[in-house]
N, C-alpha and C. Protein backbone atom coordinates (compact mmCIF):
# COMPACT_ATOMS: atom_id res chain seq x y z
N MET A 1 -59.41 53.17 81.07
CA MET A 1 -60.33 52.43 81.93
C MET A 1 -61.76 52.86 81.64
N SER A 2 -62.62 51.89 81.47
CA SER A 2 -64.02 52.20 81.24
C SER A 2 -64.71 52.46 82.57
N PRO A 3 -65.67 53.38 82.60
CA PRO A 3 -66.36 53.68 83.87
C PRO A 3 -67.18 52.49 84.35
N ARG A 4 -67.38 52.45 85.65
CA ARG A 4 -68.20 51.39 86.22
C ARG A 4 -69.64 51.56 85.76
N SER A 5 -70.31 50.44 85.60
CA SER A 5 -71.72 50.49 85.19
C SER A 5 -72.58 50.99 86.33
N ALA A 6 -73.80 51.42 85.98
CA ALA A 6 -74.75 51.91 87.00
C ALA A 6 -75.06 50.83 88.02
N SER A 7 -75.15 49.58 87.57
CA SER A 7 -75.48 48.49 88.50
C SER A 7 -74.36 48.26 89.50
N VAL A 8 -73.12 48.37 89.05
CA VAL A 8 -71.98 48.20 89.96
C VAL A 8 -71.94 49.35 90.97
N ASN A 9 -72.18 50.58 90.51
CA ASN A 9 -72.21 51.71 91.43
C ASN A 9 -73.31 51.55 92.47
N GLU A 10 -74.46 51.06 92.04
CA GLU A 10 -75.56 50.83 92.97
C GLU A 10 -75.19 49.77 94.01
N GLU A 11 -74.52 48.72 93.58
CA GLU A 11 -74.10 47.67 94.51
C GLU A 11 -73.07 48.20 95.50
N LEU A 12 -72.16 49.03 95.05
CA LEU A 12 -71.18 49.62 95.95
C LEU A 12 -71.85 50.54 96.98
N ARG A 13 -72.84 51.30 96.54
CA ARG A 13 -73.58 52.15 97.48
C ARG A 13 -74.33 51.31 98.50
N ARG A 14 -74.93 50.21 98.05
CA ARG A 14 -75.66 49.33 98.97
C ARG A 14 -74.72 48.78 100.03
N ARG A 15 -73.54 48.36 99.61
CA ARG A 15 -72.59 47.78 100.56
C ARG A 15 -72.06 48.82 101.54
N SER A 16 -71.86 50.03 101.06
CA SER A 16 -71.43 51.10 101.96
C SER A 16 -72.47 51.34 103.04
N ARG A 17 -73.74 51.36 102.64
CA ARG A 17 -74.82 51.56 103.61
C ARG A 17 -74.89 50.40 104.59
N GLU A 18 -74.71 49.18 104.10
CA GLU A 18 -74.73 48.01 104.98
C GLU A 18 -73.61 48.10 106.02
N ARG A 19 -72.43 48.52 105.60
CA ARG A 19 -71.31 48.62 106.54
C ARG A 19 -71.59 49.67 107.62
N LEU A 20 -72.23 50.76 107.25
CA LEU A 20 -72.58 51.79 108.23
C LEU A 20 -73.60 51.26 109.24
N LEU A 21 -74.59 50.51 108.76
CA LEU A 21 -75.58 49.93 109.66
C LEU A 21 -74.93 48.97 110.65
N GLN A 22 -74.03 48.12 110.14
CA GLN A 22 -73.36 47.16 111.01
C GLN A 22 -72.48 47.87 112.02
N ALA A 23 -71.74 48.88 111.57
CA ALA A 23 -70.87 49.62 112.49
C ALA A 23 -71.67 50.31 113.58
N ALA A 24 -72.84 50.85 113.23
CA ALA A 24 -73.68 51.52 114.23
C ALA A 24 -74.13 50.54 115.30
N VAL A 25 -74.58 49.36 114.90
CA VAL A 25 -75.02 48.35 115.86
C VAL A 25 -73.85 47.93 116.75
N GLU A 26 -72.70 47.66 116.17
CA GLU A 26 -71.56 47.20 116.94
C GLU A 26 -71.13 48.24 117.98
N LEU A 27 -71.05 49.50 117.57
CA LEU A 27 -70.54 50.53 118.47
C LEU A 27 -71.53 50.88 119.57
N VAL A 28 -72.80 50.99 119.25
CA VAL A 28 -73.79 51.26 120.30
C VAL A 28 -73.84 50.09 121.28
N ARG A 29 -73.71 48.90 120.78
CA ARG A 29 -73.69 47.71 121.63
C ARG A 29 -72.49 47.75 122.58
N GLU A 30 -71.34 48.20 122.07
CA GLU A 30 -70.10 48.22 122.87
C GLU A 30 -70.03 49.40 123.83
N ARG A 31 -70.45 50.59 123.35
CA ARG A 31 -70.19 51.82 124.10
C ARG A 31 -71.44 52.52 124.61
N GLY A 32 -72.59 52.18 124.04
CA GLY A 32 -73.79 52.93 124.33
C GLY A 32 -74.00 54.03 123.31
N TYR A 33 -75.20 54.59 123.28
CA TYR A 33 -75.56 55.56 122.25
C TYR A 33 -74.80 56.87 122.40
N GLU A 34 -74.80 57.42 123.61
CA GLU A 34 -74.20 58.74 123.81
C GLU A 34 -72.71 58.75 123.52
N ALA A 35 -72.03 57.66 123.81
CA ALA A 35 -70.58 57.60 123.62
C ALA A 35 -70.17 57.27 122.19
N THR A 36 -71.14 57.03 121.33
CA THR A 36 -70.87 56.70 119.93
C THR A 36 -71.12 57.93 119.07
N THR A 37 -70.14 58.30 118.25
CA THR A 37 -70.30 59.44 117.36
C THR A 37 -70.41 58.97 115.91
N LEU A 38 -70.90 59.85 115.07
CA LEU A 38 -70.96 59.53 113.65
C LEU A 38 -69.56 59.30 113.08
N ALA A 39 -68.58 60.04 113.58
CA ALA A 39 -67.20 59.83 113.12
C ALA A 39 -66.72 58.43 113.50
N ASP A 40 -67.08 57.98 114.72
CA ASP A 40 -66.72 56.62 115.14
C ASP A 40 -67.32 55.59 114.20
N ILE A 41 -68.60 55.79 113.85
CA ILE A 41 -69.29 54.84 112.98
C ILE A 41 -68.65 54.82 111.61
N ALA A 42 -68.33 56.00 111.07
CA ALA A 42 -67.68 56.07 109.76
C ALA A 42 -66.32 55.36 109.79
N ASP A 43 -65.56 55.60 110.85
CA ASP A 43 -64.25 54.94 110.97
C ASP A 43 -64.40 53.43 111.03
N ARG A 44 -65.33 52.94 111.83
CA ARG A 44 -65.52 51.49 111.96
C ARG A 44 -65.95 50.89 110.61
N ALA A 45 -66.76 51.62 109.87
CA ALA A 45 -67.25 51.13 108.58
C ALA A 45 -66.24 51.30 107.46
N GLY A 46 -65.15 52.05 107.72
CA GLY A 46 -64.19 52.33 106.67
C GLY A 46 -64.73 53.28 105.63
N SER A 47 -65.60 54.22 106.05
CA SER A 47 -66.24 55.15 105.13
C SER A 47 -65.85 56.58 105.47
N ALA A 48 -65.99 57.46 104.49
CA ALA A 48 -65.79 58.87 104.72
C ALA A 48 -66.93 59.42 105.58
N ARG A 49 -66.62 60.40 106.43
CA ARG A 49 -67.64 60.99 107.30
C ARG A 49 -68.82 61.54 106.49
N GLY A 50 -68.52 62.14 105.34
CA GLY A 50 -69.58 62.71 104.52
C GLY A 50 -70.54 61.68 103.98
N LEU A 51 -70.07 60.44 103.85
CA LEU A 51 -70.94 59.40 103.31
C LEU A 51 -72.07 59.06 104.29
N VAL A 52 -71.80 59.20 105.59
CA VAL A 52 -72.84 58.94 106.58
C VAL A 52 -74.00 59.92 106.37
N SER A 53 -73.68 61.18 106.18
CA SER A 53 -74.71 62.20 105.98
C SER A 53 -75.45 62.00 104.66
N TYR A 54 -74.80 61.39 103.70
CA TYR A 54 -75.45 61.11 102.42
C TYR A 54 -76.60 60.13 102.59
N TYR A 55 -76.42 59.14 103.46
CA TYR A 55 -77.43 58.10 103.64
C TYR A 55 -78.41 58.41 104.77
N PHE A 56 -77.96 59.12 105.81
CA PHE A 56 -78.79 59.29 107.01
C PHE A 56 -78.74 60.74 107.48
N PRO A 57 -79.90 61.32 107.88
CA PRO A 57 -79.93 62.71 108.35
C PRO A 57 -79.13 62.95 109.63
N GLY A 58 -79.00 61.91 110.48
CA GLY A 58 -78.29 62.08 111.73
C GLY A 58 -78.08 60.75 112.43
N LYS A 59 -77.48 60.81 113.60
CA LYS A 59 -77.14 59.59 114.34
C LYS A 59 -78.39 58.82 114.76
N ARG A 60 -79.40 59.52 115.22
CA ARG A 60 -80.58 58.81 115.71
C ARG A 60 -81.23 58.01 114.58
N GLN A 61 -81.31 58.61 113.40
CA GLN A 61 -81.92 57.91 112.27
C GLN A 61 -81.07 56.71 111.84
N LEU A 62 -79.76 56.88 111.87
CA LEU A 62 -78.86 55.78 111.51
C LEU A 62 -79.00 54.63 112.49
N VAL A 63 -78.98 54.92 113.77
CA VAL A 63 -79.06 53.86 114.77
C VAL A 63 -80.42 53.18 114.73
N GLN A 64 -81.48 53.96 114.54
CA GLN A 64 -82.80 53.33 114.46
C GLN A 64 -82.91 52.42 113.25
N SER A 65 -82.37 52.85 112.12
CA SER A 65 -82.38 52.01 110.93
C SER A 65 -81.56 50.74 111.17
N ALA A 66 -80.44 50.88 111.86
CA ALA A 66 -79.58 49.73 112.13
C ALA A 66 -80.28 48.70 113.02
N VAL A 67 -80.98 49.18 114.04
CA VAL A 67 -81.69 48.25 114.92
C VAL A 67 -82.90 47.65 114.21
N HIS A 68 -83.57 48.44 113.38
CA HIS A 68 -84.65 47.87 112.59
C HIS A 68 -84.12 46.78 111.66
N ARG A 69 -82.92 46.97 111.10
CA ARG A 69 -82.33 45.92 110.28
C ARG A 69 -82.10 44.67 111.11
N LEU A 70 -81.53 44.82 112.29
CA LEU A 70 -81.31 43.68 113.17
C LEU A 70 -82.62 42.98 113.49
N MET A 71 -83.67 43.75 113.74
CA MET A 71 -84.96 43.16 114.08
C MET A 71 -85.57 42.42 112.90
N HIS A 72 -85.57 43.03 111.73
CA HIS A 72 -86.24 42.36 110.62
C HIS A 72 -85.46 41.16 110.14
N ARG A 73 -84.13 41.19 110.21
CA ARG A 73 -83.36 40.01 109.81
C ARG A 73 -83.49 38.89 110.84
N THR A 74 -83.55 39.25 112.12
CA THR A 74 -83.77 38.25 113.17
C THR A 74 -85.13 37.59 113.00
N LEU A 75 -86.14 38.41 112.74
CA LEU A 75 -87.49 37.89 112.54
C LEU A 75 -87.54 37.01 111.29
N GLU A 76 -86.93 37.47 110.22
CA GLU A 76 -86.92 36.71 108.98
C GLU A 76 -86.24 35.35 109.18
N GLU A 77 -85.12 35.34 109.89
CA GLU A 77 -84.40 34.10 110.16
C GLU A 77 -85.27 33.14 110.96
N ALA A 78 -85.98 33.66 111.96
CA ALA A 78 -86.82 32.81 112.79
C ALA A 78 -87.98 32.23 112.00
N LEU A 79 -88.59 33.03 111.16
CA LEU A 79 -89.74 32.56 110.38
C LEU A 79 -89.35 31.52 109.34
N GLU A 80 -88.14 31.61 108.82
CA GLU A 80 -87.74 30.74 107.72
C GLU A 80 -86.84 29.59 108.13
N ARG A 81 -86.57 29.45 109.42
CA ARG A 81 -85.67 28.38 109.83
C ARG A 81 -86.32 27.01 109.62
N GLU A 82 -85.50 25.99 109.60
CA GLU A 82 -85.99 24.62 109.49
C GLU A 82 -86.59 24.17 110.81
N PRO A 83 -87.62 23.37 110.82
CA PRO A 83 -88.38 22.98 109.63
C PRO A 83 -89.28 24.11 109.15
N HIS A 84 -89.30 24.34 107.85
CA HIS A 84 -90.16 25.37 107.29
C HIS A 84 -91.62 25.03 107.62
N THR A 85 -92.38 26.07 107.85
CA THR A 85 -93.79 25.84 108.18
C THR A 85 -94.64 26.99 107.66
N GLY A 86 -95.84 26.65 107.25
CA GLY A 86 -96.83 27.65 106.87
C GLY A 86 -97.91 27.79 107.92
N ASP A 87 -97.75 27.08 109.04
CA ASP A 87 -98.75 27.12 110.10
C ASP A 87 -98.73 28.50 110.77
N GLY A 88 -99.87 29.17 110.74
CA GLY A 88 -99.93 30.53 111.25
C GLY A 88 -99.65 30.65 112.73
N ARG A 89 -100.08 29.68 113.52
CA ARG A 89 -99.83 29.74 114.95
C ARG A 89 -98.35 29.56 115.27
N GLU A 90 -97.69 28.64 114.57
CA GLU A 90 -96.26 28.44 114.78
C GLU A 90 -95.47 29.68 114.35
N ARG A 91 -95.87 30.29 113.25
CA ARG A 91 -95.15 31.47 112.77
C ARG A 91 -95.35 32.66 113.72
N MET A 92 -96.53 32.79 114.30
CA MET A 92 -96.74 33.84 115.29
C MET A 92 -95.86 33.60 116.52
N ALA A 93 -95.77 32.33 116.95
CA ALA A 93 -94.92 32.00 118.09
C ALA A 93 -93.46 32.34 117.79
N ARG A 94 -93.00 32.00 116.59
CA ARG A 94 -91.62 32.30 116.22
C ARG A 94 -91.37 33.80 116.18
N ALA A 95 -92.35 34.56 115.69
CA ALA A 95 -92.19 36.01 115.61
C ALA A 95 -92.08 36.62 117.01
N ILE A 96 -92.95 36.20 117.91
CA ILE A 96 -92.90 36.72 119.28
C ILE A 96 -91.57 36.35 119.92
N ASP A 97 -91.15 35.10 119.76
CA ASP A 97 -89.89 34.67 120.37
C ASP A 97 -88.69 35.42 119.80
N ALA A 98 -88.73 35.73 118.52
CA ALA A 98 -87.61 36.46 117.90
C ALA A 98 -87.44 37.84 118.53
N ILE A 99 -88.55 38.56 118.69
CA ILE A 99 -88.47 39.92 119.23
C ILE A 99 -88.14 39.90 120.73
N LEU A 100 -88.78 39.01 121.47
CA LEU A 100 -88.46 38.91 122.90
C LEU A 100 -87.03 38.45 123.10
N GLY A 101 -86.54 37.57 122.22
CA GLY A 101 -85.16 37.12 122.32
C GLY A 101 -84.17 38.26 122.14
N LEU A 102 -84.48 39.19 121.25
CA LEU A 102 -83.62 40.36 121.08
C LEU A 102 -83.61 41.23 122.34
N ALA A 103 -84.78 41.41 122.95
CA ALA A 103 -84.84 42.20 124.18
C ALA A 103 -84.01 41.55 125.28
N ARG A 104 -84.05 40.23 125.35
CA ARG A 104 -83.27 39.51 126.35
C ARG A 104 -81.77 39.57 126.07
N ASP A 105 -81.39 39.37 124.80
CA ASP A 105 -79.98 39.20 124.45
C ASP A 105 -79.27 40.50 124.11
N GLU A 106 -80.03 41.53 123.70
CA GLU A 106 -79.44 42.80 123.30
C GLU A 106 -80.12 43.96 124.02
N PRO A 107 -80.08 43.97 125.37
CA PRO A 107 -80.82 45.01 126.10
C PRO A 107 -80.32 46.43 125.83
N VAL A 108 -79.02 46.61 125.62
CA VAL A 108 -78.51 47.96 125.35
C VAL A 108 -79.07 48.50 124.04
N LEU A 109 -79.00 47.68 123.00
CA LEU A 109 -79.51 48.10 121.71
C LEU A 109 -81.02 48.35 121.76
N MET A 110 -81.75 47.43 122.36
CA MET A 110 -83.20 47.56 122.36
C MET A 110 -83.67 48.69 123.27
N ARG A 111 -82.95 48.95 124.37
CA ARG A 111 -83.30 50.08 125.24
C ARG A 111 -83.11 51.39 124.48
N GLN A 112 -82.00 51.50 123.75
CA GLN A 112 -81.78 52.71 122.97
C GLN A 112 -82.82 52.85 121.87
N HIS A 113 -83.19 51.73 121.28
CA HIS A 113 -84.20 51.77 120.22
C HIS A 113 -85.52 52.29 120.76
N MET A 114 -85.93 51.81 121.91
CA MET A 114 -87.19 52.26 122.48
C MET A 114 -87.12 53.74 122.83
N ALA A 115 -85.98 54.19 123.35
CA ALA A 115 -85.82 55.62 123.67
C ALA A 115 -85.91 56.46 122.41
N GLY A 116 -85.32 55.98 121.31
CA GLY A 116 -85.37 56.72 120.06
C GLY A 116 -86.77 56.85 119.51
N LEU A 117 -87.58 55.82 119.70
CA LEU A 117 -88.95 55.85 119.19
C LEU A 117 -89.81 56.88 119.92
N LEU A 118 -89.40 57.24 121.13
CA LEU A 118 -90.16 58.22 121.91
C LEU A 118 -89.79 59.65 121.56
N GLN A 119 -88.78 59.84 120.71
CA GLN A 119 -88.43 61.18 120.26
C GLN A 119 -89.48 61.69 119.27
N ALA A 120 -89.39 62.97 118.97
CA ALA A 120 -90.44 63.61 118.16
C ALA A 120 -90.63 62.96 116.80
N GLU A 121 -89.51 62.48 116.20
CA GLU A 121 -89.63 61.94 114.85
C GLU A 121 -90.23 60.54 114.83
N GLY A 122 -90.28 59.85 115.97
CA GLY A 122 -90.89 58.53 116.04
C GLY A 122 -90.21 57.53 115.11
N PHE A 123 -91.01 56.72 114.44
CA PHE A 123 -90.47 55.74 113.50
C PHE A 123 -89.76 56.42 112.35
N VAL A 124 -88.58 55.94 112.03
CA VAL A 124 -87.90 56.36 110.81
C VAL A 124 -88.45 55.50 109.68
N GLN A 125 -88.98 56.14 108.66
CA GLN A 125 -89.57 55.40 107.53
C GLN A 125 -88.45 54.98 106.57
N CYS A 126 -87.68 54.00 106.99
CA CYS A 126 -86.54 53.52 106.21
C CYS A 126 -86.88 52.13 105.65
N PRO A 127 -86.10 51.64 104.70
CA PRO A 127 -86.37 50.30 104.15
C PRO A 127 -86.39 49.22 105.22
N GLU A 128 -85.55 49.36 106.25
CA GLU A 128 -85.49 48.35 107.31
C GLU A 128 -86.79 48.31 108.11
N GLN A 129 -87.32 49.49 108.45
CA GLN A 129 -88.57 49.53 109.20
C GLN A 129 -89.72 49.01 108.35
N GLN A 130 -89.71 49.33 107.08
CA GLN A 130 -90.78 48.89 106.19
C GLN A 130 -90.77 47.37 106.03
N ARG A 131 -89.58 46.78 105.94
CA ARG A 131 -89.50 45.32 105.81
C ARG A 131 -89.97 44.64 107.10
N LEU A 132 -89.60 45.19 108.24
CA LEU A 132 -90.08 44.65 109.52
C LEU A 132 -91.60 44.70 109.57
N ALA A 133 -92.18 45.81 109.14
CA ALA A 133 -93.64 45.95 109.13
C ALA A 133 -94.28 44.92 108.22
N GLU A 134 -93.69 44.69 107.06
CA GLU A 134 -94.24 43.70 106.12
C GLU A 134 -94.24 42.30 106.73
N LEU A 135 -93.16 41.94 107.41
CA LEU A 135 -93.08 40.61 108.00
C LEU A 135 -94.10 40.44 109.12
N LEU A 136 -94.25 41.45 109.97
CA LEU A 136 -95.22 41.36 111.05
C LEU A 136 -96.66 41.36 110.52
N ARG A 137 -96.91 42.14 109.50
CA ARG A 137 -98.25 42.17 108.90
C ARG A 137 -98.59 40.80 108.30
N ALA A 138 -97.62 40.19 107.61
CA ALA A 138 -97.84 38.87 107.02
C ALA A 138 -98.05 37.82 108.11
N THR A 139 -97.36 37.98 109.24
CA THR A 139 -97.52 37.05 110.35
C THR A 139 -98.94 37.13 110.93
N VAL A 140 -99.42 38.35 111.07
CA VAL A 140 -100.79 38.56 111.56
C VAL A 140 -101.80 37.94 110.60
N ALA A 141 -101.60 38.17 109.31
CA ALA A 141 -102.53 37.62 108.31
C ALA A 141 -102.50 36.10 108.33
N GLY A 142 -101.30 35.52 108.43
CA GLY A 142 -101.17 34.06 108.47
C GLY A 142 -101.77 33.45 109.72
N HIS A 143 -101.83 34.25 110.79
CA HIS A 143 -102.41 33.76 112.04
C HIS A 143 -103.93 33.71 111.97
N GLY A 144 -104.50 34.29 110.91
CA GLY A 144 -105.94 34.21 110.73
C GLY A 144 -106.68 35.52 110.81
N SER A 145 -105.95 36.64 110.84
CA SER A 145 -106.62 37.93 110.92
C SER A 145 -107.46 38.19 109.67
N CYS A 146 -108.66 38.71 109.89
CA CYS A 146 -109.51 39.11 108.77
C CYS A 146 -109.24 40.56 108.37
N ASP A 147 -108.48 41.26 109.19
CA ASP A 147 -108.17 42.67 108.92
C ASP A 147 -106.77 42.96 109.42
N ALA A 148 -105.78 42.62 108.60
CA ALA A 148 -104.38 42.79 109.02
C ALA A 148 -104.04 44.25 109.25
N ASP A 149 -104.66 45.17 108.51
CA ASP A 149 -104.39 46.59 108.71
C ASP A 149 -104.80 47.06 110.10
N ARG A 150 -105.80 46.41 110.66
CA ARG A 150 -106.23 46.73 112.03
C ARG A 150 -105.40 45.97 113.06
N ASP A 151 -105.13 44.70 112.80
CA ASP A 151 -104.50 43.85 113.81
C ASP A 151 -102.98 43.96 113.84
N TYR A 152 -102.36 44.36 112.72
CA TYR A 152 -100.90 44.52 112.73
C TYR A 152 -100.46 45.60 113.72
N PRO A 153 -101.08 46.80 113.74
CA PRO A 153 -100.63 47.80 114.73
C PRO A 153 -100.77 47.32 116.17
N MET A 154 -101.77 46.47 116.44
CA MET A 154 -101.91 45.94 117.79
C MET A 154 -100.76 45.01 118.14
N LEU A 155 -100.39 44.11 117.20
CA LEU A 155 -99.24 43.23 117.44
C LEU A 155 -97.99 44.06 117.66
N ARG A 156 -97.77 45.04 116.80
CA ARG A 156 -96.59 45.90 116.96
C ARG A 156 -96.58 46.57 118.33
N SER A 157 -97.74 47.05 118.76
CA SER A 157 -97.82 47.75 120.04
C SER A 157 -97.55 46.83 121.23
N VAL A 158 -98.12 45.63 121.20
CA VAL A 158 -97.91 44.74 122.34
C VAL A 158 -96.47 44.23 122.37
N LEU A 159 -95.84 44.06 121.21
CA LEU A 159 -94.43 43.68 121.19
C LEU A 159 -93.56 44.81 121.72
N MET A 160 -93.85 46.04 121.32
CA MET A 160 -93.10 47.18 121.83
C MET A 160 -93.25 47.29 123.34
N GLY A 161 -94.47 47.08 123.83
CA GLY A 161 -94.68 47.13 125.27
C GLY A 161 -93.91 46.05 126.01
N ALA A 162 -93.86 44.86 125.41
CA ALA A 162 -93.12 43.76 126.03
C ALA A 162 -91.63 44.05 126.06
N VAL A 163 -91.11 44.57 124.95
CA VAL A 163 -89.69 44.92 124.91
C VAL A 163 -89.38 45.99 125.95
N TYR A 164 -90.21 47.02 126.01
CA TYR A 164 -90.00 48.07 127.00
C TYR A 164 -89.95 47.49 128.41
N ALA A 165 -90.90 46.61 128.73
CA ALA A 165 -90.93 46.02 130.07
C ALA A 165 -89.69 45.19 130.36
N MET A 166 -89.14 44.53 129.32
CA MET A 166 -87.98 43.66 129.53
C MET A 166 -86.66 44.43 129.65
N VAL A 167 -86.58 45.63 129.06
CA VAL A 167 -85.32 46.39 129.10
C VAL A 167 -85.36 47.53 130.10
N LEU A 168 -86.45 47.68 130.84
CA LEU A 168 -86.55 48.73 131.84
C LEU A 168 -85.48 48.54 132.91
N PRO A 169 -84.62 49.52 133.13
CA PRO A 169 -83.55 49.35 134.11
C PRO A 169 -84.10 49.07 135.51
N ASN A 170 -83.39 48.21 136.22
CA ASN A 170 -83.64 47.89 137.63
C ASN A 170 -84.85 46.99 137.89
N VAL A 171 -85.91 47.11 137.09
CA VAL A 171 -87.10 46.29 137.35
C VAL A 171 -87.59 45.62 136.06
N PRO A 172 -86.72 44.93 135.35
CA PRO A 172 -87.16 44.33 134.08
C PRO A 172 -88.07 43.13 134.31
N MET A 173 -89.03 42.96 133.42
CA MET A 173 -89.86 41.76 133.43
C MET A 173 -89.08 40.63 132.77
N SER A 174 -89.33 39.41 133.20
CA SER A 174 -88.63 38.26 132.63
C SER A 174 -89.23 37.88 131.28
N ILE A 175 -88.42 37.23 130.46
CA ILE A 175 -88.91 36.77 129.17
C ILE A 175 -90.02 35.75 129.34
N GLN A 176 -89.94 34.94 130.39
CA GLN A 176 -90.98 33.93 130.61
C GLN A 176 -92.33 34.60 130.88
N ALA A 177 -92.32 35.66 131.70
CA ALA A 177 -93.57 36.34 132.03
C ALA A 177 -94.18 37.03 130.81
N MET A 178 -93.34 37.72 130.04
CA MET A 178 -93.87 38.42 128.86
C MET A 178 -94.33 37.44 127.79
N ARG A 179 -93.58 36.34 127.63
CA ARG A 179 -93.97 35.34 126.64
C ARG A 179 -95.31 34.70 127.01
N ALA A 180 -95.49 34.37 128.30
CA ALA A 180 -96.74 33.77 128.74
C ALA A 180 -97.92 34.69 128.44
N GLU A 181 -97.74 35.99 128.68
CA GLU A 181 -98.81 36.95 128.43
C GLU A 181 -99.15 37.02 126.95
N LEU A 182 -98.13 37.10 126.10
CA LEU A 182 -98.38 37.22 124.66
C LEU A 182 -98.91 35.92 124.07
N PHE A 183 -98.38 34.80 124.53
CA PHE A 183 -98.88 33.52 124.02
C PHE A 183 -100.35 33.32 124.42
N HIS A 184 -100.72 33.76 125.61
CA HIS A 184 -102.12 33.66 126.02
C HIS A 184 -102.98 34.56 125.13
N ARG A 185 -102.51 35.75 124.86
CA ARG A 185 -103.27 36.69 124.04
C ARG A 185 -103.55 36.13 122.66
N TYR A 186 -102.56 35.45 122.07
CA TYR A 186 -102.72 34.95 120.70
C TYR A 186 -103.04 33.45 120.64
N GLY A 187 -103.37 32.86 121.77
CA GLY A 187 -103.83 31.47 121.79
C GLY A 187 -102.78 30.47 121.34
N LEU A 188 -101.54 30.65 121.82
CA LEU A 188 -100.43 29.80 121.39
C LEU A 188 -100.01 28.84 122.50
N ASP A 189 -99.57 27.66 122.10
CA ASP A 189 -99.06 26.68 123.06
C ASP A 189 -97.63 27.04 123.45
N TRP A 190 -97.30 26.84 124.72
CA TRP A 190 -95.96 27.18 125.23
C TRP A 190 -94.87 26.46 124.46
N GLU A 191 -95.15 25.25 123.98
CA GLU A 191 -94.13 24.47 123.28
C GLU A 191 -93.86 24.96 121.87
N ALA A 192 -94.67 25.86 121.35
CA ALA A 192 -94.46 26.38 120.00
C ALA A 192 -93.27 27.33 119.99
N GLY A 193 -92.79 27.63 118.80
CA GLY A 193 -91.70 28.59 118.67
C GLY A 193 -90.42 28.09 119.29
N SER A 194 -89.77 28.93 120.09
CA SER A 194 -88.52 28.59 120.78
C SER A 194 -88.66 28.92 122.25
N PRO A 195 -89.24 28.01 123.04
CA PRO A 195 -89.41 28.29 124.48
C PRO A 195 -88.09 28.72 125.10
N PRO A 196 -88.09 29.75 125.96
CA PRO A 196 -86.84 30.30 126.48
C PRO A 196 -86.00 29.33 127.29
N ASP A 197 -86.61 28.30 127.88
CA ASP A 197 -85.81 27.37 128.67
C ASP A 197 -84.99 26.42 127.80
N THR A 198 -85.13 26.51 126.47
CA THR A 198 -84.28 25.71 125.58
C THR A 198 -82.98 26.40 125.25
N GLY A 199 -82.88 27.69 125.66
CA GLY A 199 -81.69 28.45 125.34
C GLY A 199 -81.75 29.14 124.00
N ALA A 200 -82.84 29.03 123.26
CA ALA A 200 -82.96 29.69 121.96
C ALA A 200 -84.11 30.70 122.02
N PRO A 201 -84.02 31.86 121.33
CA PRO A 201 -82.86 32.28 120.58
C PRO A 201 -81.81 32.93 121.47
N GLY A 202 -80.57 32.87 121.06
CA GLY A 202 -79.52 33.63 121.72
C GLY A 202 -78.81 32.92 122.83
N GLY A 203 -79.53 32.23 123.69
CA GLY A 203 -78.90 31.50 124.76
C GLY A 203 -78.19 32.33 125.79
N GLY A 204 -78.44 33.66 125.79
CA GLY A 204 -77.84 34.52 126.79
C GLY A 204 -76.39 34.86 126.51
N CYS A 205 -75.80 34.39 125.43
CA CYS A 205 -74.41 34.67 125.08
C CYS A 205 -74.39 35.76 124.02
N GLU A 206 -73.30 36.54 124.02
CA GLU A 206 -73.17 37.58 123.01
C GLU A 206 -73.08 36.94 121.63
N GLN A 207 -73.90 37.44 120.73
CA GLN A 207 -73.98 36.85 119.41
C GLN A 207 -73.12 37.63 118.41
N ASP A 208 -72.68 36.94 117.38
CA ASP A 208 -72.06 37.59 116.24
C ASP A 208 -73.19 38.06 115.33
N LEU A 209 -73.37 39.36 115.22
CA LEU A 209 -74.49 39.91 114.46
C LEU A 209 -74.15 40.20 113.01
N SER A 210 -72.92 39.89 112.60
CA SER A 210 -72.48 40.30 111.27
C SER A 210 -73.31 39.67 110.16
N ARG A 211 -73.89 38.48 110.42
CA ARG A 211 -74.65 37.81 109.36
C ARG A 211 -75.89 38.61 108.97
N PHE A 212 -76.36 39.47 109.85
CA PHE A 212 -77.54 40.27 109.54
C PHE A 212 -77.22 41.48 108.67
N PHE A 213 -75.92 41.71 108.44
CA PHE A 213 -75.49 42.86 107.65
C PHE A 213 -74.55 42.42 106.53
N ALA A 214 -74.70 41.18 106.09
CA ALA A 214 -73.78 40.63 105.08
C ALA A 214 -73.85 41.44 103.80
N THR A 215 -72.68 41.74 103.25
CA THR A 215 -72.63 42.52 102.02
C THR A 215 -72.34 41.65 100.80
N GLY A 216 -72.09 40.37 101.00
CA GLY A 216 -71.85 39.47 99.87
C GLY A 216 -70.46 39.64 99.29
N SER A 217 -70.22 38.95 98.19
CA SER A 217 -68.91 39.02 97.55
C SER A 217 -68.76 40.36 96.84
N ARG A 218 -67.53 40.73 96.61
CA ARG A 218 -67.26 42.00 95.95
C ARG A 218 -67.71 41.93 94.49
N PRO A 219 -68.25 43.06 93.98
CA PRO A 219 -68.67 43.05 92.58
C PRO A 219 -67.47 42.93 91.66
N ALA A 220 -67.71 42.38 90.52
CA ALA A 220 -66.61 42.23 89.57
C ALA A 220 -66.05 43.58 89.20
N ASP A 221 -64.74 43.63 89.09
CA ASP A 221 -64.08 44.89 88.73
C ASP A 221 -64.40 45.22 87.29
N GLN A 222 -65.02 46.36 87.10
CA GLN A 222 -65.47 46.74 85.76
C GLN A 222 -64.46 47.65 85.06
N SER A 223 -63.37 48.03 85.78
CA SER A 223 -62.41 48.93 85.16
C SER A 223 -61.30 48.13 84.52
N LYS A 224 -61.19 48.18 83.24
CA LYS A 224 -60.19 47.40 82.52
C LYS A 224 -59.46 48.30 81.57
């Protein structure tokens, strides 16, 4: 048997990491953060326990990367859905609705995410977080910012504040209230994006999140 090529090994590693991210999101969603162990995540992903440590320093970093993946794929899907548009105001509306929709539909995940960001390590500088930052920065630039490096952190901060307010136990703010505040701030019409009274995004029903962690078809078997 000839050894697998470097490209095939890289693809297998990518898929292993994807399965771990998906398993982390599923288990924290089902059980909560404290009740989820790295061994549970490895078992759900069908991976060896040691493989988790190979990709992630610990549970907090894994879960934060997993939620960042969910966020950036949700945002990407919202920005690119039909009808495609290059209008900066519409894209800003879609971006705001995507993040607020996650806070509404996935409060357990987003509450844990916010708690993780308040830990000493703060943002995990992972590919998922970097891709989310790129999408938000591009959204700010498309909205007409003359200085995206200045205005992107402000958008990130106000979105984080809105998510925090929506997932706060016992006294959460409504999506309508937070959306109205953000749309006013960025000069957006209520009808833009996905107004919450249309049921999108999410519609308040539990979503199948697997599409955000798709690993694609299996690589061709190189051992002959």
